[in-house]
Amino acid sequence: MKKGILLLIVFAAGCASNGDDNSQSSSSAPNNWYNEHKTPMHVGIAWKGQKGANELLQTLGTCDKTISETQRAENYIEAVSYLNSVKNDKNKLKQAEIDLVNKKNALIKFAARGNNSSTKCYLDTLTESESTLVIRDATTGAEINSSIASTSYDGRDYEIAMKWSKHTWMLEPTFNEKLDELKAFDESVYKVGVGVNIVAKIYNAKAGLDLTNLPALAFQIKNTETKGTISFNRIGINGKVTELIFPSASKDLSPETLSQAIGGLQKIQILLYTDDDIVLKPTVLGYMNPNLEINTEDRAWLYIGHYPDANQMLSEQFKITASDNNLTVANLLGETIKVTVNRSLRADRPRFPTYSIPKEKMFVSSGCTLKVLQLVSVGFDKYWALVNKTDKDSCKAPK
């Protein structure tokens, strides 16, 4: 009855139209590559104040359970009253109309959910679910292709992670670049959601272990010199019940502890929909870049330098020169540059929100000439360029 009255207030008090439902972007191209954020950041912190991906951020914002349905109705009625008071003021009228539409749509979506808890709200938004198995060489940190991971090498250490997430995808936020041409339009999408990671670490593995079969692996290493640990990590899933499922940060790997971890994951998947104690805080789990341009042999990302003003000339400090000495940073796009010291070229540029430096793709010698294909301002006026080798001989890695 309460919902019916509130919805009646909405349609009786105002005449603004509904906005379209938010549509999420995702990609299933087989050549996409995904970069996981090792330390996920809460989505509200990661993109606070950013204009890009605004609609999804607003939708997630409505899931804050501290704002009740009654409060939303009151906010809407206040917006109606304010609109009526500024009808003769053209400068304020347009913004007042926008605010009214936003408050009306927020109330309609909130009231229509049935269960108004923040958890139910987030689950309505995080529409995709995924389970993956990731195997890494613990010494190098390199990921191992599952097709060759069925056989371990003697004496090596490995990390095997079973990852489950409830998520959605969000386009990369749009930043207020100083120059429009420096905006990045590379179609990368960010994975926003919650999840559970079960991480097994294997030490001094004996040859022939099947790393792709965790349950079998737990039995195989029992009573051998190979040792292992297992940890259970909740990402953005909080609540007293979930904290009791696998209370220890890390345990010795055994068939029993592995069974406890896998059973804990299954319990959490059920509790998300049944336990009022569960509190969700969606985080930025990682991003996917569908572009194939950097997968070519001779293309990679180069750090150009820090320039508070993109109209400045290239500084000697960053050991890069241009074919035209009068070129500014902003005009490097499409031009040829030369590195005057040995430099690392990266598989990607640093990305919001972590700004971590991506892995090295290649190492080039001093004197290497490169063509600038893309130019992007990252973070606080740090410029990165997607470059292509123009002369393979001059760019050979130093011995």
Protein backbone atom coordinates (compact mmCIF):
# COMPACT_ATOMS: atom_id res chain seq x y z
CA MET A 1 0.00 0.00 0.00
CA LYS A 2 2.88 2.31 0.89
CA LYS A 3 4.46 1.86 -2.55
CA GLY A 4 1.17 2.56 -4.30
CA ILE A 5 0.74 5.84 -2.41
CA LEU A 6 4.31 6.96 -3.13
CA LEU A 7 4.03 6.18 -6.84
CA LEU A 8 0.70 8.00 -6.95
CA ILE A 9 2.42 11.04 -5.43
CA VAL A 10 5.02 10.91 -8.18
CA PHE A 11 2.59 10.88 -11.08
CA ALA A 12 0.20 13.36 -9.49
CA ALA A 13 2.83 15.89 -8.47
CA GLY A 14 4.91 16.12 -11.63
CA CYS A 15 4.80 15.73 -15.38
CA ALA A 16 8.43 14.88 -16.21
CA SER A 17 9.07 11.83 -18.40
CA ASN A 18 11.06 8.73 -17.48
CA GLY A 19 14.68 8.37 -18.62
CA ASP A 20 15.86 5.28 -20.46
CA ASP A 21 17.16 2.38 -18.40
CA ASN A 22 20.92 2.20 -18.14
CA SER A 23 22.49 -0.20 -20.64
CA GLN A 24 25.83 -1.77 -19.73
CA SER A 25 28.69 -2.39 -22.08
CA SER A 26 30.49 -5.69 -22.30
CA SER A 27 32.45 -7.50 -24.91
CA SER A 28 32.88 -11.16 -25.73
CA ALA A 29 35.46 -10.95 -28.49
CA PRO A 30 37.88 -13.88 -28.11
CA ASN A 31 40.97 -11.68 -28.36
CA ASN A 32 40.07 -9.31 -25.51
CA TRP A 33 42.55 -9.23 -22.64
CA TYR A 34 41.66 -8.58 -19.04
CA ASN A 35 43.70 -6.87 -16.33
CA GLU A 36 42.75 -7.60 -12.73
CA HIS A 37 43.09 -4.91 -10.05
CA LYS A 38 45.07 -6.55 -7.23
CA THR A 39 43.66 -4.12 -4.67
CA PRO A 40 40.05 -3.40 -5.70
CA MET A 41 38.86 0.10 -4.86
CA HIS A 42 35.29 0.90 -3.86
CA VAL A 43 33.50 2.22 -6.91
CA GLY A 44 32.18 5.31 -5.11
CA ILE A 45 35.73 6.32 -4.19
CA ALA A 46 37.30 5.33 -7.49
CA TRP A 47 35.13 7.53 -9.66
CA LYS A 48 33.84 10.13 -7.23
CA GLY A 49 33.15 13.32 -9.11
CA GLN A 50 33.92 11.91 -12.55
CA LYS A 51 31.51 12.72 -15.37
CA GLY A 52 32.11 9.52 -17.30
CA ALA A 53 29.90 6.49 -16.64
CA ASN A 54 27.67 8.86 -14.70
CA GLU A 55 24.44 6.93 -15.13
CA LEU A 56 25.76 3.69 -13.65
CA LEU A 57 27.40 5.55 -10.79
CA GLN A 58 24.10 7.27 -10.04
CA THR A 59 22.30 3.92 -10.14
CA LEU A 60 24.78 2.42 -7.69
CA GLY A 61 24.41 5.53 -5.56
CA THR A 62 20.69 4.92 -5.18
CA CYS A 63 21.52 1.63 -3.48
CA ASP A 64 22.68 3.43 -0.36
CA LYS A 65 20.34 1.97 2.25
CA THR A 66 20.64 5.05 4.46
CA ILE A 67 18.25 6.82 2.06
CA SER A 68 14.75 5.51 2.62
CA GLU A 69 11.87 5.42 0.16
CA THR A 70 10.07 8.06 2.22
CA GLN A 71 13.09 10.35 1.98
CA ARG A 72 13.17 9.91 -1.80
CA ALA A 73 9.52 10.85 -2.01
CA GLU A 74 10.17 13.93 0.13
CA ASN A 75 13.13 14.90 -2.07
CA TYR A 76 10.93 14.57 -5.15
CA ILE A 77 8.16 16.75 -3.69
CA GLU A 78 10.76 19.38 -2.74
CA ALA A 79 12.03 19.33 -6.35
CA VAL A 80 8.47 19.89 -7.63
CA SER A 81 8.04 22.81 -5.26
CA TYR A 82 11.38 24.33 -6.28
CA LEU A 83 10.54 23.98 -9.98
CA ASN A 84 7.27 25.85 -9.47
CA SER A 85 9.14 28.62 -7.66
CA VAL A 86 11.63 29.23 -10.50
CA LYS A 87 9.33 28.90 -13.52
CA ASN A 88 9.92 32.54 -14.41
CA ASP A 89 13.69 32.32 -14.02
CA LYS A 90 15.14 30.91 -17.26
CA ASN A 91 18.63 30.56 -15.74
CA LYS A 92 17.42 28.20 -12.99
CA LEU A 93 14.50 26.52 -14.74
CA LYS A 94 16.45 24.10 -16.95
CA GLN A 95 18.54 22.69 -14.09
CA ALA A 96 15.45 22.45 -11.89
CA GLU A 97 13.69 20.37 -14.58
CA ILE A 98 16.71 18.02 -14.81
CA ASP A 99 16.81 17.61 -11.03
CA LEU A 100 13.11 16.82 -10.98
CA VAL A 101 13.47 14.09 -13.61
CA ASN A 102 16.40 12.52 -11.75
CA LYS A 103 14.58 12.48 -8.40
CA LYS A 104 11.42 11.10 -9.97
CA ASN A 105 13.25 8.25 -11.74
CA ALA A 106 15.21 7.43 -8.59
CA LEU A 107 12.01 7.11 -6.57
CA ILE A 108 10.24 4.99 -9.20
CA LYS A 109 13.15 2.56 -9.51
CA PHE A 110 13.59 2.38 -5.73
CA ALA A 111 9.89 1.77 -5.01
CA ALA A 112 9.52 -0.83 -7.78
CA ARG A 113 12.24 -3.12 -6.43
CA GLY A 114 10.01 -4.78 -3.85
CA ASN A 115 12.85 -5.41 -1.42
CA ASN A 116 14.44 -2.04 -0.71
CA SER A 117 17.62 -3.26 0.96
CA SER A 118 20.89 -2.02 -0.50
CA THR A 119 21.94 -5.62 -1.19
CA LYS A 120 18.86 -6.32 -3.32
CA CYS A 121 19.42 -3.02 -5.09
CA TYR A 122 23.02 -3.91 -5.96
CA LEU A 123 22.05 -7.41 -7.10
CA ASP A 124 19.51 -5.87 -9.49
CA THR A 125 22.35 -3.82 -11.00
CA LEU A 126 25.14 -6.41 -10.99
CA THR A 127 23.48 -8.63 -13.56
CA GLU A 128 26.40 -10.80 -14.69
CA SER A 129 28.09 -13.71 -12.93
CA GLU A 130 31.37 -15.43 -13.77
CA SER A 131 33.69 -18.12 -12.41
CA THR A 132 37.31 -18.41 -13.58
CA LEU A 133 40.46 -20.37 -12.73
CA VAL A 134 43.75 -18.47 -12.88
CA ILE A 135 47.12 -20.23 -12.52
CA ARG A 136 50.36 -18.30 -12.00
CA ASP A 137 54.01 -19.13 -11.57
CA ALA A 138 54.62 -17.73 -8.07
CA THR A 139 58.26 -16.97 -8.87
CA THR A 140 57.71 -14.78 -11.92
CA GLY A 141 54.06 -13.83 -11.39
CA ALA A 142 53.35 -14.83 -14.97
CA GLU A 143 49.99 -16.39 -15.76
CA ILE A 144 50.13 -19.96 -17.09
CA ASN A 145 47.90 -21.04 -19.93
CA SER A 146 45.51 -23.71 -18.67
CA SER A 147 46.29 -25.92 -21.67
CA ILE A 148 49.86 -26.41 -20.42
CA ALA A 149 49.17 -26.16 -16.68
CA SER A 150 48.08 -29.76 -16.26
CA THR A 151 51.69 -30.74 -15.50
CA SER A 152 53.75 -28.96 -12.84
CA TYR A 153 57.54 -28.71 -12.82
CA ASP A 154 59.55 -30.18 -9.97
CA GLY A 155 60.46 -27.75 -7.18
CA ARG A 156 58.47 -24.76 -8.50
CA ASP A 157 55.94 -22.64 -6.57
CA TYR A 158 52.47 -21.94 -7.98
CA GLU A 159 49.41 -19.84 -7.20
CA ILE A 160 45.98 -21.14 -8.23
CA ALA A 161 42.98 -18.87 -7.83
CA MET A 162 39.31 -19.78 -8.17
CA LYS A 163 37.49 -16.49 -8.76
CA TRP A 164 33.76 -15.84 -8.69
CA SER A 165 32.17 -12.44 -9.24
CA LYS A 166 28.77 -10.81 -9.52
CA HIS A 167 29.35 -7.77 -11.69
CA THR A 168 28.49 -5.42 -14.50
CA TRP A 169 30.63 -3.51 -17.01
CA MET A 170 31.17 0.24 -17.17
CA LEU A 171 32.73 2.34 -19.91
CA GLU A 172 35.94 4.08 -18.95
CA PRO A 173 35.16 7.40 -17.22
CA THR A 174 35.55 10.56 -19.26
CA PHE A 175 38.08 12.94 -17.80
CA ASN A 176 38.18 16.69 -18.20
CA GLU A 177 41.16 16.73 -20.52
CA LYS A 178 42.79 20.08 -21.18
CA LEU A 179 42.69 19.34 -24.89
CA ASP A 180 39.87 17.36 -26.52
CA GLU A 181 42.22 15.54 -28.89
CA LEU A 182 43.97 13.92 -25.93
CA LYS A 183 40.89 12.04 -24.80
CA ALA A 184 41.17 8.27 -25.08
CA PHE A 185 38.53 6.45 -27.10
CA ASP A 186 39.86 2.93 -26.78
CA GLU A 187 36.58 1.29 -25.73
CA SER A 188 38.03 -0.20 -22.55
CA VAL A 189 35.40 -1.28 -20.03
CA TYR A 190 35.71 -1.69 -16.28
CA LYS A 191 34.42 -4.63 -14.28
CA VAL A 192 32.46 -3.33 -11.28
CA GLY A 193 31.05 -5.70 -8.69
CA VAL A 194 31.65 -8.05 -5.75
CA GLY A 195 33.15 -11.49 -5.50
CA VAL A 196 35.06 -14.24 -3.76
CA ASN A 197 38.61 -15.41 -4.48
CA ILE A 198 39.83 -18.79 -3.24
CA VAL A 199 43.62 -18.75 -3.56
CA ALA A 200 45.77 -21.88 -3.16
CA LYS A 201 49.56 -21.53 -3.01
CA ILE A 202 51.68 -24.58 -3.76
CA TYR A 203 55.30 -24.68 -2.56
CA ASN A 204 58.02 -27.03 -3.81
CA ALA A 205 55.66 -28.80 -6.20
CA LYS A 206 56.55 -32.25 -7.35
CA ALA A 207 56.54 -32.89 -11.09
CA GLY A 208 53.32 -34.03 -12.71
CA LEU A 209 50.74 -32.38 -10.43
CA ASP A 210 47.50 -31.43 -12.21
CA LEU A 211 47.26 -27.72 -11.42
CA THR A 212 43.89 -27.39 -13.14
CA ASN A 213 42.11 -29.72 -10.71
CA LEU A 214 42.22 -28.23 -7.20
CA PRO A 215 40.21 -30.97 -5.43
CA ALA A 216 42.49 -33.66 -6.87
CA LEU A 217 45.55 -31.53 -6.15
CA ALA A 218 44.68 -31.31 -2.44
CA PHE A 219 44.71 -35.12 -2.27
CA GLN A 220 47.88 -35.44 -4.39
CA ILE A 221 50.05 -33.28 -2.10
CA LYS A 222 48.81 -34.90 1.10
CA ASN A 223 51.65 -36.63 2.95
CA THR A 224 54.28 -35.39 0.49
CA GLU A 225 57.04 -32.78 0.69
CA THR A 226 54.90 -30.47 -1.41
CA LYS A 227 53.14 -28.00 0.87
CA GLY A 228 50.31 -25.60 0.26
CA THR A 229 48.08 -22.96 1.84
CA ILE A 230 44.58 -21.78 1.03
CA SER A 231 42.92 -18.42 1.67
CA PHE A 232 39.36 -17.17 1.23
CA ASN A 233 38.97 -13.54 0.20
CA ARG A 234 35.64 -11.71 0.11
CA ILE A 235 35.64 -8.64 -2.17
CA GLY A 236 32.92 -6.11 -1.39
CA ILE A 237 30.84 -8.67 0.55
CA ASN A 238 30.47 -7.92 4.26
CA GLY A 239 28.41 -9.24 7.16
CA LYS A 240 28.86 -11.27 10.33
CA VAL A 241 27.66 -14.47 8.67
CA THR A 242 30.17 -14.25 5.81
CA GLU A 243 33.03 -13.55 8.23
CA LEU A 244 32.36 -16.88 9.97
CA ILE A 245 32.43 -18.99 6.80
CA PHE A 246 36.23 -19.11 6.53
CA PRO A 247 37.46 -17.09 9.52
CA SER A 248 41.18 -17.76 9.15
CA ALA A 249 43.10 -15.62 6.67
CA SER A 250 45.09 -18.63 5.51
CA LYS A 251 45.11 -22.36 6.29
CA ASP A 252 47.19 -25.34 5.27
CA LEU A 253 45.86 -26.80 2.03
CA SER A 254 44.11 -30.13 2.56
CA PRO A 255 41.03 -31.85 1.16
CA GLU A 256 39.16 -30.66 4.28
CA THR A 257 40.14 -26.97 4.07
CA LEU A 258 39.56 -26.88 0.32
CA SER A 259 36.09 -28.38 0.83
CA GLN A 260 35.41 -25.73 3.47
CA ALA A 261 36.44 -22.93 1.09
CA ILE A 262 34.41 -24.19 -1.87
CA GLY A 263 31.43 -24.79 0.43
CA GLY A 264 31.86 -21.27 1.77
CA LEU A 265 31.64 -19.82 -1.72
CA GLN A 266 28.42 -21.72 -2.37
CA LYS A 267 26.97 -20.50 0.94
CA ILE A 268 27.77 -16.87 0.13
CA GLN A 269 26.12 -17.17 -3.28
CA ILE A 270 22.93 -18.23 -1.48
CA LEU A 271 23.24 -15.76 1.40
CA LEU A 272 23.39 -12.82 -1.02
CA TYR A 273 19.71 -13.40 -1.73
CA THR A 274 18.52 -14.70 1.66
CA ASP A 275 20.35 -13.00 4.53
CA ASP A 276 19.49 -9.45 5.61
CA ASP A 277 22.88 -9.17 7.34
CA ILE A 278 24.76 -9.10 4.01
CA VAL A 279 26.08 -5.68 2.99
CA LEU A 280 27.54 -5.18 -0.50
CA LYS A 281 30.06 -2.53 -1.54
CA PRO A 282 30.77 -2.84 -5.31
CA THR A 283 34.42 -2.34 -6.18
CA VAL A 284 36.48 -1.90 -9.34
CA LEU A 285 37.59 -5.49 -9.98
CA GLY A 286 39.57 -4.78 -13.16
CA TYR A 287 39.21 -3.70 -16.76
CA MET A 288 39.07 -5.21 -20.22
CA ASN A 289 40.65 -3.68 -23.29
CA PRO A 290 39.11 -4.99 -26.53
CA ASN A 291 41.60 -3.20 -28.76
CA LEU A 292 43.94 -5.47 -30.66
CA GLU A 293 46.28 -2.66 -31.71
CA ILE A 294 48.74 -3.25 -28.88
CA ASN A 295 48.88 -6.97 -29.60
CA THR A 296 50.98 -6.36 -32.69
CA GLU A 297 54.68 -7.00 -32.32
CA ASP A 298 55.95 -3.46 -32.81
CA ARG A 299 53.36 -1.41 -30.86
CA ALA A 300 53.44 -0.52 -27.18
CA TRP A 301 52.97 2.38 -24.75
CA LEU A 302 55.70 4.91 -23.91
CA TYR A 303 55.75 7.38 -21.01
CA ILE A 304 56.22 10.83 -22.55
CA GLY A 305 56.56 12.76 -19.30
CA HIS A 306 54.83 15.07 -16.84
CA TYR A 307 53.65 18.32 -18.37
CA PRO A 308 51.23 20.61 -16.48
CA ASP A 309 50.51 22.27 -19.82
CA ALA A 310 50.25 20.15 -22.99
CA ASN A 311 51.25 23.18 -25.05
CA GLN A 312 54.79 23.02 -23.64
CA MET A 313 57.76 21.93 -25.75
CA LEU A 314 59.31 18.54 -25.04
CA SER A 315 61.61 18.72 -22.03
CA GLU A 316 65.15 17.29 -22.08
CA GLN A 317 64.35 15.82 -18.67
CA PHE A 318 62.35 12.98 -20.24
CA LYS A 319 64.97 12.06 -22.88
CA ILE A 320 62.63 12.23 -25.90
CA THR A 321 63.11 14.39 -28.98
CA ALA A 322 60.80 15.09 -31.93
CA SER A 323 61.61 15.30 -35.61
CA ASP A 324 60.46 18.91 -35.40
CA ASN A 325 62.09 20.61 -32.41
CA ASN A 326 59.25 23.13 -32.24
CA LEU A 327 56.54 20.54 -31.57
CA THR A 328 54.58 20.75 -28.34
CA VAL A 329 53.33 17.70 -26.44
CA ALA A 330 49.80 18.27 -27.75
CA ASN A 331 51.04 18.15 -31.35
CA LEU A 332 52.95 14.85 -31.11
CA LEU A 333 50.04 12.80 -32.46
CA GLY A 334 51.06 11.31 -35.83
CA GLU A 335 54.63 12.57 -35.50
CA THR A 336 57.94 10.70 -35.17
CA ILE A 337 59.88 10.86 -31.92
CA LYS A 338 63.23 9.45 -30.77
CA VAL A 339 64.27 8.17 -27.34
CA THR A 340 67.78 9.30 -26.32
CA VAL A 341 68.21 6.63 -23.61
CA ASN A 342 67.28 2.96 -23.40
CA ARG A 343 63.56 2.79 -22.57
CA SER A 344 60.90 0.27 -21.53
CA LEU A 345 57.73 0.15 -23.61
CA ARG A 346 54.64 -1.11 -21.80
CA ALA A 347 51.74 -3.41 -22.69
CA ASP A 348 49.27 -0.68 -21.71
CA ARG A 349 49.08 2.77 -20.20
CA PRO A 350 48.32 3.25 -16.49
CA ARG A 351 44.57 3.31 -15.92
CA PHE A 352 42.26 4.80 -13.38
CA PRO A 353 41.79 4.18 -10.48
CA THR A 354 45.07 2.46 -9.52
CA TYR A 355 47.47 4.12 -12.00
CA SER A 356 49.81 1.13 -11.60
CA ILE A 357 52.52 0.74 -14.24
CA PRO A 358 51.65 -2.11 -16.66
CA LYS A 359 54.09 -4.88 -17.41
CA GLU A 360 56.97 -4.30 -19.83
CA LYS A 361 56.30 -5.43 -23.38
CA MET A 362 59.66 -4.61 -24.93
CA PHE A 363 62.93 -2.80 -24.26
CA VAL A 364 64.35 -0.46 -26.91
CA SER A 365 67.76 1.10 -27.40
CA SER A 366 68.73 4.74 -27.29
CA GLY A 367 68.14 6.22 -30.75
CA CYS A 368 64.99 4.19 -31.43
CA THR A 369 62.52 6.11 -33.61
CA LEU A 370 58.80 5.73 -32.91
CA LYS A 371 55.61 7.04 -34.46
CA VAL A 372 52.95 8.37 -32.06
CA LEU A 373 49.59 6.69 -32.76
CA GLN A 374 47.67 7.80 -29.67
CA LEU A 375 48.32 10.41 -27.00
CA VAL A 376 46.65 10.28 -23.59
CA SER A 377 46.82 12.29 -20.40
CA VAL A 378 46.80 9.89 -17.44
CA GLY A 379 46.21 10.98 -13.86
CA PHE A 380 47.82 14.27 -13.00
CA ASP A 381 49.08 15.48 -16.37
CA LYS A 382 51.27 12.48 -17.07
CA TYR A 383 51.31 11.84 -20.82
CA TRP A 384 51.54 8.40 -22.42
CA ALA A 385 51.70 7.57 -26.13
CA LEU A 386 50.87 4.42 -28.07
CA VAL A 387 53.86 4.14 -30.40
CA ASN A 388 54.98 2.00 -33.31
CA LYS A 389 58.57 1.18 -34.26
CA THR A 390 59.53 2.93 -37.48
CA ASP A 391 62.93 1.25 -37.74
CA LYS A 392 63.37 -2.20 -36.18
CA ASP A 393 67.15 -2.12 -36.46
CA SER A 394 67.55 1.10 -34.45
CA CYS A 395 65.09 -0.19 -31.82
CA LYS A 396 66.74 -3.51 -31.04
CA ALA A 397 66.96 -4.21 -27.34
CA PRO A 398 70.42 -3.46 -25.93
CA LYS A 399 72.54 -6.48 -25.09
